[in-house]
C-alpha atoms as a PDB file:
ATOM      1  CA  ARG A   1      -1.215  -3.393  -9.404  1.00  0.00           C
ATOM      2  CA  GLY A   2      -3.373  -6.235 -10.702  1.00  0.00           C
ATOM      3  CA  ILE A   3      -0.423  -8.574 -11.098  1.00  0.00           C
ATOM      4  CA  GLY A   4       0.852  -7.614  -7.662  1.00  0.00           C
ATOM      5  CA  ALA A   5      -2.539  -8.321  -6.085  1.00  0.00           C
ATOM      6  CA  ILE A   6      -2.764 -11.768  -7.678  1.00  0.00           C
ATOM      7  CA  THR A   7       0.738 -12.749  -6.624  1.00  0.00           C
ATOM      8  CA  VAL A   8       0.266 -11.492  -3.045  1.00  0.00           C
ATOM      9  CA  VAL A   9      -2.862 -13.622  -2.641  1.00  0.00           C
ATOM     10  CA  LEU A  10      -1.172 -16.717  -4.069  1.00  0.00           C
ATOM     11  CA  PHE A  11       1.896 -16.194  -1.895  1.00  0.00           C
ATOM     12  CA  HIS A  12      -0.074 -15.971   1.339  1.00  0.00           C
ATOM     13  CA  LEU A  13      -2.401 -18.880   0.601  1.00  0.00           C
ATOM     14  CA  THR A  14       0.295 -21.250  -0.696  1.00  0.00           C
ATOM     15  CA  THR A  15       3.544 -20.240   1.059  1.00  0.00           C
ATOM     16  CA  ARG A  16       2.673 -18.176   4.100  1.00  0.00           C
ATOM     17  CA  PHE A  17      -0.174 -20.458   5.206  1.00  0.00           C
ATOM     18  CA  PRO A  18       2.037 -23.544   5.884  1.00  0.00           C
ATOM     19  CA  GLN A  19       4.596 -21.303   7.602  1.00  0.00           C
ATOM     20  CA  ILE A  20       1.989 -20.168  10.144  1.00  0.00           C
ATOM     21  CA  PHE A  21       0.150 -23.517  10.327  1.00  0.00           C
ATOM     22  CA  PRO A  22       2.866 -26.124   9.703  1.00  0.00           C
ATOM     23  CA  ARG A  23       0.624 -29.050  10.716  1.00  0.00           C
ATOM     24  CA  ALA A  24      -2.153 -28.123   8.303  1.00  0.00           C
ATOM     25  CA  ASP A  25      -2.486 -29.705   4.902  1.00  0.00           C
ATOM     26  CA  HIS A  26      -1.596 -27.376   2.059  1.00  0.00           C
ATOM     27  CA  VAL A  27      -1.219 -27.399  -1.695  1.00  0.00           C
ATOM     28  CA  PRO A  28       2.145 -28.716  -2.958  1.00  0.00           C
ATOM     29  CA  LEU A  29       2.979 -25.308  -4.355  1.00  0.00           C
ATOM     30  CA  SER A  30       5.240 -22.696  -2.804  1.00  0.00           C
ATOM     31  CA  PHE A  31       4.810 -19.351  -4.498  1.00  0.00           C
ATOM     32  CA  TRP A  32       8.009 -17.313  -4.633  1.00  0.00           C
ATOM     33  CA  ALA A  33       8.740 -16.231  -1.060  1.00  0.00           C
ATOM     34  CA  GLY A  34       9.906 -12.835   0.105  1.00  0.00           C
ATOM     35  CA  GLU A  35       8.498  -9.315   0.152  1.00  0.00           C
ATOM     36  CA  TYR A  36       9.165  -8.539  -3.505  1.00  0.00           C
ATOM     37  CA  ARG A  37       5.495  -8.115  -4.429  1.00  0.00           C
ATOM     38  CA  VAL A  38       5.080  -5.531  -1.657  1.00  0.00           C
ATOM     39  CA  LEU A  39       8.043  -3.604  -3.046  1.00  0.00           C
ATOM     40  CA  LEU A  40       6.181  -3.332  -6.348  1.00  0.00           C
ATOM     41  CA  PHE A  41       3.228  -1.763  -4.530  1.00  0.00           C
ATOM     42  CA  PHE A  42       5.528   0.722  -2.780  1.00  0.00           C
ATOM     43  CA  ALA A  43       7.048   1.763  -6.111  1.00  0.00           C
ATOM     44  CA  LEU A  44       3.554   2.118  -7.576  1.00  0.00           C
ATOM     45  CA  SER A  45       2.593   4.312  -4.614  1.00  0.00           C
ATOM     46  CA  GLY A  46       5.601   6.524  -5.309  1.00  0.00           C
ATOM     47  CA  PHE A  47       4.481   6.891  -8.923  1.00  0.00           C
ATOM     48  CA  ALA A  48       0.747   7.339  -8.287  1.00  0.00           C
ATOM     49  CA  ILE A  49       0.967   9.753  -5.338  1.00  0.00           C
ATOM     50  CA  PHE A  50       1.465  12.657  -7.745  1.00  0.00           C
ATOM     51  CA  PHE A  51      -1.899  12.023  -9.399  1.00  0.00           C
ATOM     52  CA  THR A  52      -3.466  12.843  -6.031  1.00  0.00           C
ATOM     53  CA  LEU A  53      -1.173  15.775  -5.257  1.00  0.00           C
ATOM     54  CA  ASP A  54      -1.841  17.336  -8.666  1.00  0.00           C
ATOM     55  CA  ARG A  55      -5.601  17.548  -8.094  1.00  0.00           C
ATOM     56  CA  VAL A  56      -5.810  18.665  -4.456  1.00  0.00           C
ATOM     57  CA  GLY A  57      -5.601  22.218  -3.230  1.00  0.00           C
ATOM     58  CA  GLY A  58      -3.788  21.784   0.055  1.00  0.00           C
ATOM     59  CA  VAL A  59      -2.739  19.478   2.845  1.00  0.00           C
ATOM     60  CA  THR A  60      -6.288  19.166   4.200  1.00  0.00           C
ATOM     61  CA  ASP A  61      -7.579  18.238   0.728  1.00  0.00           C
ATOM     62  CA  PHE A  62      -4.857  15.605   0.502  1.00  0.00           C
ATOM     63  CA  ALA A  63      -5.735  14.182   3.926  1.00  0.00           C
ATOM     64  CA  VAL A  64      -9.432  13.953   3.024  1.00  0.00           C
ATOM     65  CA  ASN A  65      -8.589  12.309  -0.290  1.00  0.00           C
ATOM     66  CA  ARG A  66      -6.406   9.676   1.352  1.00  0.00           C
ATOM     67  CA  PHE A  67      -8.974   9.129   4.116  1.00  0.00           C
ATOM     68  CA  SER A  68     -11.735   8.536   1.565  1.00  0.00           C
ATOM     69  CA  ARG A  69      -9.478   6.128  -0.292  1.00  0.00           C
ATOM     70  CA  LEU A  70      -8.302   4.058   2.674  1.00  0.00           C
ATOM     71  CA  PHE A  71     -10.645   4.146   5.645  1.00  0.00           C
ATOM     72  CA  PRO A  72     -14.187   3.260   4.459  1.00  0.00           C
ATOM     73  CA  ALA A  73     -13.170  -0.100   2.951  1.00  0.00           C
ATOM     74  CA  TYR A  74     -10.805  -0.694   5.878  1.00  0.00           C
ATOM     75  CA  TRP A  75     -13.503  -0.064   8.483  1.00  0.00           C
ATOM     76  CA  ALA A  76     -15.979  -2.228   6.586  1.00  0.00           C
ATOM     77  CA  THR A  77     -13.438  -5.063   6.465  1.00  0.00           C
ATOM     78  CA  LEU A  78     -12.363  -5.093  10.120  1.00  0.00           C
ATOM     79  CA  PRO A  79     -15.576  -6.647  11.566  1.00  0.00           C
ATOM     80  CA  ILE A  80     -15.655  -9.206   8.748  1.00  0.00           C
ATOM     81  CA  VAL A  81     -12.091 -10.351   9.435  1.00  0.00           C
ATOM     82  CA  LEU A  82     -12.713 -10.395  13.196  1.00  0.00           C
ATOM     83  CA  ALA A  83     -15.891 -12.441  12.692  1.00  0.00           C
ATOM     84  CA  PHE A  84     -14.088 -15.047  10.587  1.00  0.00           C
ATOM     85  CA  VAL A  85     -11.227 -15.352  13.077  1.00  0.00           C
ATOM     86  CA  TRP A  86     -13.346 -15.496  16.239  1.00  0.00           C
ATOM     87  CA  LEU A  87     -16.195 -17.617  14.866  1.00  0.00           C
ATOM     88  CA  GLY A  88     -13.631 -19.878  13.255  1.00  0.00           C
ATOM     89  CA  ASP A  89     -11.940 -20.175  16.657  1.00  0.00           C
ATOM     90  CA  VAL A  90      -8.434 -19.826  15.224  1.00  0.00           C
ATOM     91  CA  ALA A  91      -6.418 -18.843  18.289  1.00  0.00           C
ATOM     92  CA  ARG A  92      -3.242 -18.254  16.252  1.00  0.00           C
ATOM     93  CA  LEU A  93      -4.890 -15.313  14.489  1.00  0.00           C
ATOM     94  CA  GLN A  94      -6.701 -13.709  17.430  1.00  0.00           C
ATOM     95  CA  ILE A  95      -5.575 -10.499  19.135  1.00  0.00           C
ATOM     96  CA  ALA A  96      -6.611  -8.756  22.367  1.00  0.00           C
ATOM     97  CA  PRO A  97      -9.762  -6.574  22.254  1.00  0.00           C
ATOM     98  CA  SER A  98      -7.730  -3.492  23.176  1.00  0.00           C
ATOM     99  CA  ALA A  99      -5.426  -4.069  20.205  1.00  0.00           C
ATOM    100  CA  ALA A 100      -8.422  -4.643  17.956  1.00  0.00           C
ATOM    101  CA  LEU A 101      -9.854  -1.284  19.022  1.00  0.00           C
ATOM    102  CA  ALA A 102      -6.542   0.413  18.284  1.00  0.00           C
ATOM    103  CA  ASN A 103      -6.734  -0.992  14.763  1.00  0.00           C
ATOM    104  CA  ILE A 104      -9.682   1.306  14.056  1.00  0.00           C
ATOM    105  CA  THR A 105      -7.230   4.215  13.877  1.00  0.00           C
ATOM    106  CA  MET A 106      -4.928   2.360  11.442  1.00  0.00           C
ATOM    107  CA  MET A 107      -2.091   3.485  13.735  1.00  0.00           C
ATOM    108  CA  GLN A 108      -1.443   0.086  15.335  1.00  0.00           C
ATOM    109  CA  GLY A 109       2.019  -0.149  13.812  1.00  0.00           C
ATOM    110  CA  PHE A 110       3.121   3.137  15.362  1.00  0.00           C
ATOM    111  CA  LEU A 111       1.679   1.964  18.687  1.00  0.00           C
ATOM    112  CA  TYR A 112       3.574  -1.350  18.488  1.00  0.00           C
ATOM    113  CA  LEU A 113       0.313  -3.297  18.655  1.00  0.00           C
ATOM    114  CA  PRO A 114      -0.609  -6.342  16.568  1.00  0.00           C
ATOM    115  CA  ALA A 115      -2.802  -5.858  13.520  1.00  0.00           C
ATOM    116  CA  ILE A 116      -6.137  -7.592  13.080  1.00  0.00           C
ATOM    117  CA  ASP A 117      -4.710  -9.123   9.907  1.00  0.00           C
ATOM    118  CA  GLY A 118      -1.034  -9.861   9.364  1.00  0.00           C
ATOM    119  CA  ALA A 119      -1.037  -8.229   5.942  1.00  0.00           C
ATOM    120  CA  TYR A 120      -1.918  -4.847   7.428  1.00  0.00           C
ATOM    121  CA  TRP A 121       1.668  -4.058   8.386  1.00  0.00           C
ATOM    122  CA  THR A 122       2.018  -2.235   5.061  1.00  0.00           C
ATOM    123  CA  LEU A 123      -0.610   0.300   6.150  1.00  0.00           C
ATOM    124  CA  THR A 124       1.914   1.729   8.603  1.00  0.00           C
ATOM    125  CA  VAL A 125       4.368   2.134   5.744  1.00  0.00           C
ATOM    126  CA  GLU A 126       1.780   3.839   3.524  1.00  0.00           C
ATOM    127  CA  LEU A 127       0.763   6.284   6.261  1.00  0.00           C
ATOM    128  CA  GLY A 128       4.406   7.149   6.871  1.00  0.00           C
ATOM    129  CA  PHE A 129       4.878   7.731   3.146  1.00  0.00           C
ATOM    130  CA  TYR A 130       1.890  10.075   3.017  1.00  0.00           C
ATOM    131  CA  ALA A 131       3.251  12.036   5.982  1.00  0.00           C
ATOM    132  CA  SER A 132       6.654  12.280   4.298  1.00  0.00           C
ATOM    133  CA  MET A 133       5.101  13.476   1.036  1.00  0.00           C
ATOM    134  CA  ILE A 134       3.189  16.182   2.894  1.00  0.00           C
ATOM    135  CA  GLY A 135       6.503  17.299   4.387  1.00  0.00           C
ATOM    136  CA  LEU A 136       8.125  17.427   0.939  1.00  0.00           C
ATOM    137  CA  TRP A 137       5.134  19.301  -0.467  1.00  0.00           C
ATOM    138  CA  LEU A 138       5.325  21.942   2.258  1.00  0.00           C
ATOM    139  CA  MET A 139       9.072  22.370   1.749  1.00  0.00           C
ATOM    140  CA  LEU A 140       9.182  22.327  -2.064  1.00  0.00           C
ATOM    141  CA  GLY A 141       5.823  23.712  -3.160  1.00  0.00           C
ATOM    142  CA  ARG A 142       3.202  22.356  -5.545  1.00  0.00           C
ATOM    143  CA  LYS A 143       5.594  21.932  -8.475  1.00  0.00           C
ATOM    144  CA  PHE A 144       8.094  19.996  -6.348  1.00  0.00           C
ATOM    145  CA  ASP A 145      10.995  22.070  -7.575  1.00  0.00           C
ATOM    146  CA  ARG A 146      14.344  20.573  -6.542  1.00  0.00           C
ATOM    147  CA  LEU A 147      12.624  17.283  -5.702  1.00  0.00           C
ATOM    148  CA  GLU A 148      15.511  15.067  -6.771  1.00  0.00           C
ATOM    149  CA  PRO A 149      18.105  16.682  -4.441  1.00  0.00           C
ATOM    150  CA  MET A 150      15.661  16.225  -1.562  1.00  0.00           C
ATOM    151  CA  LEU A 151      15.303  12.571  -2.519  1.00  0.00           C
ATOM    152  CA  LEU A 152      19.075  12.267  -2.075  1.00  0.00           C
ATOM    153  CA  VAL A 153      18.661  13.670   1.432  1.00  0.00           C
ATOM    154  CA  TRP A 154      15.940  11.084   2.064  1.00  0.00           C
ATOM    155  CA  LEU A 155      18.258   8.310   0.914  1.00  0.00           C
ATOM    156  CA  GLY A 156      20.959   9.783   3.115  1.00  0.00           C
ATOM    157  CA  LEU A 157      18.684   9.374   6.130  1.00  0.00           C
ATOM    158  CA  LYS A 158      18.340   5.685   5.290  1.00  0.00           C
ATOM    159  CA  VAL A 159      22.120   5.378   5.186  1.00  0.00           C
ATOM    160  CA  PHE A 160      22.277   7.231   8.513  1.00  0.00           C
ATOM    161  CA  MET A 161      19.800   4.720   9.984  1.00  0.00           C
ATOM    162  CA  TYR A 162      22.086   1.915   8.775  1.00  0.00           C
ATOM    163  CA  ILE A 163      25.112   3.554  10.420  1.00  0.00           C
ATOM    164  CA  TRP A 164      23.200   4.439  13.600  1.00  0.00           C
ATOM    165  CA  PRO A 165      21.110   1.423  14.670  1.00  0.00           C
ATOM    166  CA  GLY A 166      19.877   3.439  17.657  1.00  0.00           C
ATOM    167  CA  MET A 167      17.734   5.757  15.544  1.00  0.00           C
ATOM    168  CA  PRO A 168      14.236   5.980  17.131  1.00  0.00           C
ATOM    169  CA  SER A 169      12.137   3.342  15.439  1.00  0.00           C
ATOM    170  CA  ARG A 170       9.017   5.514  15.218  1.00  0.00           C
ATOM    171  CA  LEU A 171      11.011   8.192  13.388  1.00  0.00           C
ATOM    172  CA  ALA A 172      12.300   5.563  10.979  1.00  0.00           C
ATOM    173  CA  MET A 173       8.724   4.326  10.424  1.00  0.00           C
ATOM    174  CA  LEU A 174       7.397   7.841   9.892  1.00  0.00           C
ATOM    175  CA  LEU A 175      10.073   8.510   7.269  1.00  0.00           C
ATOM    176  CA  VAL A 176       9.632   4.977   5.773  1.00  0.00           C
ATOM    177  CA  LEU A 177      13.408   4.630   5.789  1.00  0.00           C
ATOM    178  CA  GLN A 178      13.368   0.855   5.401  1.00  0.00           C
ATOM    179  CA  PHE A 179      11.511   1.038   2.081  1.00  0.00           C
ATOM    180  CA  VAL A 180      12.185   4.585   0.868  1.00  0.00           C
ATOM    181  CA  PRO A 181      14.351   3.509  -2.129  1.00  0.00           C
ATOM    182  CA  PHE A 182      11.376   1.690  -3.649  1.00  0.00           C
ATOM    183  CA  PHE A 183       9.038   4.661  -3.250  1.00  0.00           C
ATOM    184  CA  ILE A 184      11.709   6.851  -4.833  1.00  0.00           C
ATOM    185  CA  ILE A 185      11.969   4.552  -7.869  1.00  0.00           C
ATOM    186  CA  GLY A 186       8.303   5.222  -8.601  1.00  0.00           C
ATOM    187  CA  MET A 187       8.696   8.961  -7.979  1.00  0.00           C
ATOM    188  CA  LEU A 188      11.647   9.243 -10.360  1.00  0.00           C
ATOM    189  CA  PHE A 189       9.738   7.442 -13.096  1.00  0.00           C
ATOM    190  CA  TYR A 190       6.703   9.676 -12.626  1.00  0.00           C
ATOM    191  CA  ARG A 191       8.895  12.702 -13.265  1.00  0.00           C
ATOM    192  CA  ILE A 192      10.042  11.101 -16.537  1.00  0.00           C
ATOM    193  CA  TRP A 193       6.537  10.014 -17.558  1.00  0.00           C
ATOM    194  CA  SER A 194       5.053  13.460 -16.845  1.00  0.00           C
ATOM    195  CA  GLY A 195       7.721  15.190 -18.930  1.00  0.00           C
ATOM    196  CA  GLN A 196       9.184  17.081 -15.978  1.00  0.00           C
ATOM    197  CA  ARG A 197      12.553  15.349 -16.233  1.00  0.00           C
ATOM    198  CA  ARG A 198      14.515  13.528 -18.913  1.00  0.00           C
ATOM    199  CA  TRP A 199      15.961  10.058 -18.662  1.00  0.00           C
ATOM    200  CA  ARG A 200      19.569  11.197 -18.604  1.00  0.00           C
ATOM    201  CA  TRP A 201      18.826  13.664 -15.812  1.00  0.00           C
ATOM    202  CA  GLN A 202      17.416  10.888 -13.638  1.00  0.00           C
ATOM    203  CA  LEU A 203      20.184   8.349 -14.145  1.00  0.00           C
ATOM    204  CA  PRO A 204      22.385   9.648 -11.265  1.00  0.00           C
ATOM    205  CA  TYR A 205      19.412   9.400  -8.918  1.00  0.00           C
ATOM    206  CA  PHE A 206      18.587   5.846 -10.005  1.00  0.00           C
ATOM    207  CA  ALA A 207      22.256   5.034  -9.367  1.00  0.00           C
ATOM    208  CA  ALA A 208      21.983   6.576  -5.879  1.00  0.00           C
ATOM    209  CA  VAL A 209      18.893   4.466  -5.112  1.00  0.00           C
ATOM    210  CA  LEU A 210      20.567   1.232  -6.182  1.00  0.00           C
ATOM    211  CA  ALA A 211      23.810   2.114  -4.399  1.00  0.00           C
ATOM    212  CA  THR A 212      21.854   2.755  -1.197  1.00  0.00           C
ATOM    213  CA  LEU A 213      20.183  -0.650  -1.489  1.00  0.00           C
ATOM    214  CA  LEU A 214      23.486  -2.354  -2.223  1.00  0.00           C
ATOM    215  CA  TRP A 215      25.096  -0.802   0.840  1.00  0.00           C
ATOM    216  CA  THR A 216      22.284  -1.004   3.391  1.00  0.00           C
ATOM    217  CA  GLU A 217      20.209  -4.066   2.435  1.00  0.00           C
ATOM    218  CA  GLU A 218      20.606  -7.723   1.591  1.00  0.00           C
ATOM    219  CA  ARG A 219      21.687  -8.478  -1.946  1.00  0.00           C
ATOM    220  CA  ASP A 220      18.259  -9.797  -2.976  1.00  0.00           C
ATOM    221  CA  LEU A 221      16.649  -6.405  -2.278  1.00  0.00           C
ATOM    222  CA  PHE A 222      19.276  -4.736  -4.442  1.00  0.00           C
ATOM    223  CA  PHE A 223      18.350  -7.080  -7.285  1.00  0.00           C
ATOM    224  CA  ALA A 224      14.670  -6.392  -6.590  1.00  0.00           C
ATOM    225  CA  GLY A 225      15.397  -2.684  -6.994  1.00  0.00           C
ATOM    226  CA  CYS A 226      17.154  -3.354 -10.302  1.00  0.00           C
ATOM    227  CA  ALA A 227      14.197  -5.432 -11.466  1.00  0.00           C
ATOM    228  CA  LEU A 228      11.767  -2.641 -10.567  1.00  0.00           C
ATOM    229  CA  VAL A 229      13.804  -0.058 -12.472  1.00  0.00           C
ATOM    230  CA  LEU A 230      13.822  -2.306 -15.545  1.00  0.00           C
ATOM    231  CA  THR A 231      10.106  -3.058 -15.194  1.00  0.00           C
ATOM    232  CA  PHE A 232       9.122   0.605 -14.947  1.00  0.00           C
ATOM    233  CA  ALA A 233      11.431   1.469 -17.852  1.00  0.00           C
ATOM    234  CA  ALA A 234       9.795  -1.224 -19.984  1.00  0.00           C
ATOM    235  CA  THR A 235       6.357   0.059 -18.980  1.00  0.00           C
ATOM    236  CA  LEU A 236       7.156   3.637 -19.944  1.00  0.00           C
ATOM    237  CA  ALA A 237       8.549   2.378 -23.237  1.00  0.00           C
ATOM    238  CA  GLY A 238       5.260   0.590 -23.966  1.00  0.00           C
ATOM    239  CA  ALA A 239       6.823  -2.860 -23.914  1.00  0.00           C
ATOM    240  CA  LEU A 240       4.333  -4.276 -21.400  1.00  0.00           C
ATOM    241  CA  ARG A 241       1.089  -3.259 -23.087  1.00  0.00           C
ATOM    242  CA  CYS A 242       0.350  -6.934 -23.669  1.00  0.00           C
ATOM    243  CA  LEU A 243      -0.410  -7.204 -19.940  1.00  0.00           C
ATOM    244  CA  THR A 244      -3.259  -4.679 -20.038  1.00  0.00           C
ATOM    245  CA  VAL A 245      -5.996  -7.290 -20.379  1.00  0.00           C
ATOM    246  CA  ARG A 246      -9.385  -6.999 -18.679  1.00  0.00           C
ATOM    247  CA  PRO A 247      -8.945  -9.659 -15.959  1.00  0.00           C
ATOM    248  CA  ILE A 248      -5.636  -8.189 -14.781  1.00  0.00           C
ATOM    249  CA  LEU A 249      -7.028  -4.655 -14.902  1.00  0.00           C
ATOM    250  CA  TRP A 250     -10.040  -5.791 -12.885  1.00  0.00           C
ATOM    251  CA  PHE A 251      -7.814  -7.296 -10.201  1.00  0.00           C
ATOM    252  CA  GLY A 252      -5.931  -4.005 -10.183  1.00  0.00           C
ATOM    253  CA  ALA A 253      -9.196  -2.156  -9.557  1.00  0.00           C
ATOM    254  CA  ILE A 254     -10.155  -4.347  -6.575  1.00  0.00           C
ATOM    255  CA  SER A 255      -6.580  -4.700  -5.308  1.00  0.00           C
ATOM    256  CA  TYR A 256      -7.058  -2.687  -2.091  1.00  0.00           C
ATOM    257  CA  PRO A 257     -10.110  -4.569  -0.729  1.00  0.00           C
ATOM    258  CA  LEU A 258      -8.543  -7.820  -1.938  1.00  0.00           C
ATOM    259  CA  TYR A 259      -5.467  -6.978   0.110  1.00  0.00           C
ATOM    260  CA  LEU A 260      -7.701  -6.275   3.118  1.00  0.00           C
ATOM    261  CA  VAL A 261      -9.672  -9.533   3.051  1.00  0.00           C
ATOM    262  CA  HIS A 262      -7.425 -12.222   1.616  1.00  0.00           C
ATOM    263  CA  GLU A 263      -5.022 -13.328   4.370  1.00  0.00           C
ATOM    264  CA  ASN A 264      -6.787 -14.168   7.637  1.00  0.00           C
ATOM    265  CA  ILE A 265     -10.110 -14.928   5.975  1.00  0.00           C
ATOM    266  CA  GLY A 266      -8.317 -17.160   3.496  1.00  0.00           C
ATOM    267  CA  PHE A 267      -6.452 -18.932   6.308  1.00  0.00           C
ATOM    268  CA  VAL A 268      -9.660 -19.605   8.240  1.00  0.00           C
ATOM    269  CA  ILE A 269     -11.393 -20.999   5.158  1.00  0.00           C
ATOM    270  CA  LEU A 270      -8.429 -23.269   4.374  1.00  0.00           C
ATOM    271  CA  LEU A 271      -8.385 -24.638   7.915  1.00  0.00           C
ATOM    272  CA  LYS A 272     -12.131 -25.179   8.191  1.00  0.00           C
ATOM    273  CA  ALA A 273     -12.500 -26.617   4.703  1.00  0.00           C
ATOM    274  CA  GLN A 274      -9.811 -29.188   5.363  1.00  0.00           C
ATOM    275  CA  ALA A 275     -11.319 -29.991   8.767  1.00  0.00           C
ATOM    276  CA  ALA A 276     -14.581 -30.694   6.923  1.00  0.00           C
ATOM    277  CA  GLY A 277     -12.798 -33.227   4.714  1.00  0.00           C
ATOM    278  CA  LEU A 278     -11.977 -31.216   1.598  1.00  0.00           C
ATOM    279  CA  ASP A 279      -8.641 -31.833  -0.078  1.00  0.00           C
ATOM    280  CA  HIS A 280      -6.123 -29.003  -0.210  1.00  0.00           C
ATOM    281  CA  TRP A 281      -6.873 -27.979  -3.805  1.00  0.00           C
ATOM    282  CA  SER A 282     -10.597 -27.791  -3.159  1.00  0.00           C
ATOM    283  CA  ALA A 283      -9.932 -25.805   0.021  1.00  0.00           C
ATOM    284  CA  LEU A 284      -7.790 -23.344  -1.957  1.00  0.00           C
ATOM    285  CA  ALA A 285     -10.487 -23.009  -4.618  1.00  0.00           C
ATOM    286  CA  LEU A 286     -13.086 -22.365  -1.914  1.00  0.00           C
ATOM    287  CA  ALA A 287     -10.894 -19.696  -0.278  1.00  0.00           C
ATOM    288  CA  LEU A 288     -10.397 -17.921  -3.594  1.00  0.00           C
ATOM    289  CA  GLY A 289     -14.087 -18.312  -4.362  1.00  0.00           C
ATOM    290  CA  VAL A 290     -14.938 -16.404  -1.184  1.00  0.00           C
ATOM    291  CA  ILE A 291     -12.279 -13.699  -0.920  1.00  0.00           C
ATOM    292  CA  VAL A 292     -12.335 -12.527  -4.556  1.00  0.00           C
ATOM    293  CA  PRO A 293     -16.135 -11.899  -4.686  1.00  0.00           C
ATOM    294  CA  LEU A 294     -15.962 -10.403  -1.195  1.00  0.00           C
ATOM    295  CA  ALA A 295     -13.257  -7.996  -2.353  1.00  0.00           C
ATOM    296  CA  ALA A 296     -15.352  -7.087  -5.400  1.00  0.00           C
ATOM    297  CA  MET A 297     -18.399  -6.387  -3.219  1.00  0.00           C
ATOM    298  CA  LEU A 298     -16.323  -4.145  -0.957  1.00  0.00           C
ATOM    299  CA  HIS A 299     -14.893  -2.324  -3.963  1.00  0.00           C
ATOM    300  CA  TYR A 300     -18.212  -1.657  -5.695  1.00  0.00           C
ATOM    301  CA  GLY A 301     -20.365  -1.411  -2.581  1.00  0.00           C
ATOM    302  CA  VAL A 302     -18.117   0.467  -0.152  1.00  0.00           C
ATOM    303  CA  GLU A 303     -14.787   1.683  -1.506  1.00  0.00           C
ATOM    304  CA  MET A 304     -15.984   3.522  -4.629  1.00  0.00           C
ATOM    305  CA  PRO A 305     -19.328   4.904  -3.349  1.00  0.00           C
ATOM    306  CA  ALA A 306     -17.802   6.053  -0.051  1.00  0.00           C
ATOM    307  CA  SER A 307     -14.905   7.745  -1.820  1.00  0.00           C
ATOM    308  CA  ARG A 308     -17.277   9.584  -4.172  1.00  0.00           C
ATOM    309  CA  TRP A 309     -19.616  10.564  -1.320  1.00  0.00           C
ATOM    310  CA  ILE A 310     -16.833  11.895   0.925  1.00  0.00           C
ATOM    311  CA  SER A 311     -15.261  13.784  -1.972  1.00  0.00           C
ATOM    312  CA  ALA A 312     -18.604  15.334  -2.924  1.00  0.00           C
ATOM    313  CA  LYS A 313     -19.363  16.346   0.658  1.00  0.00           C
ATOM    314  CA  TRP A 314     -15.906  17.837   1.078  1.00  0.00           C
ATOM    315  CA  LYS A 315     -16.206  19.785  -2.188  1.00  0.00           C
ATOM    316  CA  THR A 316     -19.618  21.123  -1.133  1.00  0.00           C
ATOM    317  CA  TRP A 317     -18.252  22.207   2.239  1.00  0.00           C
ATOM    318  CA  CYS A 318     -15.215  23.891   0.656  1.00  0.00           C
ATOM    319  CA  ASP A 319     -17.427  25.699  -1.887  1.00  0.00           C
ATOM    320  CA  SER A 320     -19.705  26.953   0.887  1.00  0.00           C
ATOM    321  CA  ARG A 321     -16.689  28.216   2.819  1.00  0.00           C
ATOM    322  CA  LYS A 322     -15.430  30.081  -0.260  1.00  0.00           C
ATOM    323  CA  LYS A 323     -18.840  31.686  -0.821  1.00  0.00           C
ATOM    324  CA  LEU A 324     -19.018  32.708   2.839  1.00  0.00           C
ATOM    325  CA  ALA A 325     -15.528  34.207   2.655  1.00  0.00           C
ATOM    326  CA  THR A 326     -16.468  36.114  -0.513  1.00  0.00           C
ATOM    327  CA  ARG A 327     -19.619  37.498   1.093  1.00  0.00           C
ATOM    328  CA  SER A 328     -17.653  38.545   4.172  1.00  0.00           C
ATOM    329  CA  ALA A 329     -15.113  40.341   2.006  1.00  0.00           C
ATOM    330  CA  LEU A 330     -17.840  42.158   0.044  1.00  0.00           C
ATOM    331  CA  SER A 331     -19.576  43.164   3.268  1.00  0.00           C
ATOM    332  CA  ALA A 332     -16.323  44.545   4.626  1.00  0.00           C
ATOM    333  CA  ARG A 333     -15.989  46.750   1.555  1.00  0.00           C
END
């Protein structure tokens, strides 16, 4: 997650920035283009989602957990990003007030409205993945018995979308059919890591994932899927322990608020710094010097405290409901 966060920031500030503002000065560095870093995050989500599902008691618990994880930092970031864009007077990044209001719900993708920040398109994918996981949980139970056959059905829906281009787009978004193979890679590896499945049992399902990518996507996404399988395999084998150093782990911890603040705020800083006479390297250093501390402040000041507070309040409410139900049952007797 830490490596993914670093590479996403560098990609947007070095490669994406001149694509959106071709007349602006920019550093003579083009970080590897494409959506490959995002695919890593999707696979990580597929792996990590079970840590949440294992410690919640039901669908409502899951929804509260995900809300506490996503929305407080998101809501705290929206006015900051809007302030940078509007005060910076960058028309290319501005959206209509009605669309900005819709962004409060995090449902702008499903409403076909622009996001306040271009990077937020992945939030639609994450919400669709959560909805799909709730559906699987309700169908399969807490232990996710027969999960792998259902994953084949999920892949089959992606193939069906490829065969039938007229599939309703909102349905495809809700089922995350465009990116479902990458989520499934993470899910298959979690089952191995947790001891629920053995390597040889999962091999046919990894083959199905890669075959689906080879058939339905461009060749580079197939190779990205292969790379992710190899990366996760190396991680489970302990071959990548050399990467668990404090700076990378710290960027992994602040990765969500860093994702929220880095793109539009970084673009505005680059434009204004260069307009003030700074060279492109100094402008890049200034952008990084603002967005990284800002992300850290949001992580320690909003994301973590809000998540703990909401979780504590929810636990207290659930405990009070259980006590009330117990008293009612005793009274009835």
